[in-house]
Protein backbone atom coordinates (compact mmCIF):
# COMPACT_ATOMS: atom_id res chain seq x y z
CA MET A 1 50.13 -8.43 71.98
CA ALA A 2 46.47 -8.12 71.12
CA ASP A 3 44.25 -10.14 73.07
CA ALA A 4 41.81 -12.73 71.64
CA SER A 5 38.77 -12.06 73.13
CA ASN A 6 38.66 -8.20 71.85
CA LYS A 7 39.09 -9.44 68.11
CA VAL A 8 35.90 -9.33 65.92
CA PRO A 9 35.18 -12.41 63.95
CA VAL A 10 36.05 -12.37 60.07
CA LYS A 11 33.33 -14.03 57.68
CA SER A 12 35.08 -14.73 54.48
CA ALA A 13 32.37 -15.53 51.94
CA GLY A 14 34.43 -17.54 49.62
CA LYS A 15 34.50 -14.93 46.92
CA ALA A 16 38.02 -13.45 45.34
CA ALA A 17 37.96 -9.17 46.09
CA PRO A 18 37.33 -7.29 42.76
CA ALA A 19 39.80 -6.48 40.65
CA ALA A 20 41.41 -2.72 41.14
CA ARG A 21 40.44 -1.03 37.45
CA SER A 22 43.65 0.11 35.92
CA TRP A 23 44.10 3.77 35.73
CA SER A 24 43.33 4.95 31.89
CA PRO A 25 43.58 8.93 30.91
CA PHE A 26 42.09 7.60 27.87
CA GLU A 27 39.05 6.33 29.36
CA ASN A 28 38.48 8.95 31.80
CA LEU A 29 38.24 11.44 28.96
CA ARG A 30 36.14 9.85 26.91
CA GLN A 31 33.28 9.10 30.52
CA GLU A 32 34.05 13.23 31.07
CA ILE A 33 32.98 13.86 27.97
CA ASP A 34 29.89 11.89 27.67
CA ARG A 35 28.60 13.31 31.08
CA LEU A 36 29.41 16.76 29.51
CA PHE A 37 27.26 15.84 26.35
CA ASP A 38 24.47 14.18 29.43
CA ASP A 39 24.56 17.20 30.89
CA PHE A 40 24.38 19.65 27.70
CA HIS A 41 21.09 18.28 26.21
CA PRO A 42 17.89 18.68 28.40
CA LEU A 43 16.52 15.27 27.58
CA GLY A 44 19.46 13.40 28.51
CA TRP A 45 19.88 12.19 24.78
CA ARG A 46 22.54 10.28 23.86
CA SER A 47 24.37 8.75 20.90
CA PRO A 48 23.12 5.47 19.23
CA PHE A 49 26.64 4.83 19.65
CA GLY A 50 27.56 6.09 22.99
CA ARG A 51 28.57 3.97 26.06
CA MET A 52 26.76 2.32 29.04
CA ALA A 53 27.14 2.98 32.37
CA GLY A 54 28.94 -0.49 32.23
CA GLY A 55 31.44 0.56 29.58
CA GLU A 56 29.75 -1.52 26.75
CA VAL A 57 28.80 -0.10 23.78
CA PRO A 58 25.42 -0.90 22.72
CA TRP A 59 24.42 -1.67 19.35
CA PRO A 60 21.64 1.15 17.73
CA LYS A 61 18.15 0.59 17.48
CA LEU A 62 16.97 0.93 13.89
CA GLY A 63 14.66 3.25 14.43
CA ALA A 64 16.24 5.05 16.73
CA LEU A 65 18.18 6.50 13.31
CA GLN A 66 16.01 8.56 11.29
CA ILE A 67 16.73 10.09 8.33
CA ALA A 68 15.96 12.94 6.32
CA PRO A 69 16.83 13.68 3.04
CA ALA A 70 19.08 16.59 2.38
CA VAL A 71 16.97 19.91 1.40
CA ASP A 72 18.04 23.08 -0.22
CA LEU A 73 15.58 25.86 -0.17
CA VAL A 74 16.33 28.99 -2.21
CA GLU A 75 14.03 32.45 -2.41
CA LYS A 76 14.85 33.49 -5.96
CA ASP A 77 13.54 36.65 -7.36
CA ASN A 78 9.96 35.08 -8.63
CA GLU A 79 9.59 32.23 -6.39
CA PHE A 80 10.79 30.12 -4.23
CA GLU A 81 12.71 26.67 -4.79
CA ILE A 82 12.69 23.48 -3.00
CA THR A 83 15.25 21.26 -3.61
CA CYS A 84 15.12 17.50 -2.39
CA GLU A 85 18.29 14.71 -2.90
CA LEU A 86 15.92 11.35 -2.55
CA PRO A 87 18.94 9.11 -4.62
CA GLY A 88 17.56 5.33 -5.50
CA MET A 89 13.99 6.46 -5.40
CA ASP A 90 11.22 6.58 -7.97
CA GLU A 91 8.67 9.51 -8.41
CA LYS A 92 5.86 7.10 -7.15
CA ASP A 93 7.66 6.65 -4.00
CA ILE A 94 7.52 10.46 -3.56
CA GLU A 95 4.24 12.05 -1.71
CA LEU A 96 4.10 15.84 -1.70
CA LYS A 97 0.76 17.55 0.20
CA LEU A 98 0.00 20.95 0.83
CA ALA A 99 -2.39 21.70 3.88
CA GLY A 100 -3.00 25.47 4.51
CA ASP A 101 0.74 26.94 4.28
CA MET A 102 2.32 23.30 5.36
CA LEU A 103 3.91 21.85 2.51
CA THR A 104 4.64 18.32 3.27
CA ILE A 105 7.36 15.90 1.22
CA LYS A 106 6.61 12.28 2.23
CA GLY A 107 8.57 8.95 0.88
CA GLU A 108 9.37 5.40 1.40
CA LYS A 109 11.75 3.22 -0.09
CA THR A 110 11.25 -0.39 -0.27
CA GLU A 111 14.00 -2.95 -1.65
CA GLN A 112 14.69 -6.58 -1.66
CA LYS A 113 17.22 -8.45 -3.07
CA GLU A 114 17.10 -12.35 -3.58
CA GLU A 115 19.43 -14.24 -5.17
CA ARG A 116 19.72 -18.28 -5.16
CA GLU A 117 22.61 -20.05 -6.95
CA LYS A 118 23.76 -23.43 -6.29
CA ASP A 119 25.93 -23.31 -3.24
CA TYR A 120 24.39 -20.35 -1.65
CA TYR A 121 21.06 -18.20 -0.88
CA LEU A 122 21.04 -14.32 -0.25
CA SER A 123 18.23 -12.58 0.98
CA GLU A 124 18.35 -9.04 1.72
CA ARG A 125 15.37 -6.74 2.77
CA ARG A 126 16.01 -2.60 3.20
CA TYR A 127 13.00 -0.24 4.01
CA GLY A 128 12.81 3.07 5.13
CA SER A 129 10.40 6.43 5.29
CA PHE A 130 11.08 10.12 5.76
CA GLN A 131 9.39 12.98 5.79
CA ARG A 132 9.68 16.65 5.80
CA SER A 133 7.40 20.06 6.61
CA PHE A 134 7.67 22.88 5.43
CA GLN A 135 5.56 26.56 6.47
CA LEU A 136 5.33 28.36 2.83
CA PRO A 137 6.00 32.30 3.43
CA ASP A 138 3.27 34.94 2.72
CA GLY A 139 2.80 35.86 -0.81
CA ILE A 140 2.75 32.07 -2.57
CA ASP A 141 0.75 31.20 -5.40
CA THR A 142 -0.45 27.84 -4.34
CA GLY A 143 -2.08 26.90 -7.22
CA LYS A 144 0.73 27.08 -9.79
CA ILE A 145 3.49 24.49 -6.87
CA ASP A 146 4.86 22.69 -9.59
CA ALA A 147 7.32 19.49 -8.33
CA SER A 148 9.89 17.79 -11.32
CA PHE A 149 11.58 14.50 -10.19
CA ALA A 150 14.99 13.95 -12.20
CA LYS A 151 17.99 11.95 -11.32
CA GLY A 152 17.11 11.56 -7.93
CA VAL A 153 16.57 14.58 -7.36
CA LEU A 154 13.01 16.51 -6.42
CA THR A 155 12.57 20.24 -7.50
CA VAL A 156 9.48 21.83 -6.14
CA LYS A 157 8.96 25.36 -7.47
CA MET A 158 6.69 27.68 -5.68
CA PRO A 159 5.64 31.19 -8.01
CA LYS A 160 5.41 34.15 -5.69
CA SER A 161 2.08 35.63 -6.29
CA ALA A 162 1.73 39.10 -8.50
CA GLU A 163 1.28 41.02 -5.41
CA ALA A 164 4.08 39.51 -3.51
CA GLN A 165 6.21 40.50 -6.01
CA LYS A 166 5.38 43.98 -6.53
CA LYS A 167 5.81 44.47 -2.44
CA GLU A 168 9.55 44.35 -2.83
CA LYS A 169 10.82 47.43 -3.11
CA LYS A 170 14.94 48.27 -3.56
CA ILE A 171 16.31 50.72 -1.56
CA GLU A 172 19.31 52.68 -2.21
CA VAL A 173 22.11 52.84 0.34
CA LYS A 174 23.90 55.78 0.30
CA PRO A 175 27.35 57.12 2.05
CA ALA A 176 26.88 58.89 5.18
């Protein structure tokens, strides 16, 4: 039996001990994958839908999700062509600028919707902007760049200069 003089007094704060977390293999796997992606990216970027330290899922901030339109850049025999998908936009919402050898496509879309009925009122506003820049290759005739917009698709045609077309030479491949 223990002597009462050797006992250490125990103080109780009146709080219950925290409940033990149950073992969840899928949650552990999710945490390991999140940690892997955190370690992989040099700036510590997290997905806007990633989990925070306590396990809660934060809502993404509107400014955090930047949207860039889909763009195709194709080299043809006489020109380069940029095709940019801009659904729901008008040509007045698009700005195309050439500064030096940099072509910049900017756009901004604003949409407002308002409905008033007897038993409800609906008001919605949506807006967003984007900017994409492309460094033009040598040999573009910048004075002849042409842009057109139809059915939500912007097409920018950049003809090659006569000198650039002459510099191309087809080389025959011979069997060894």
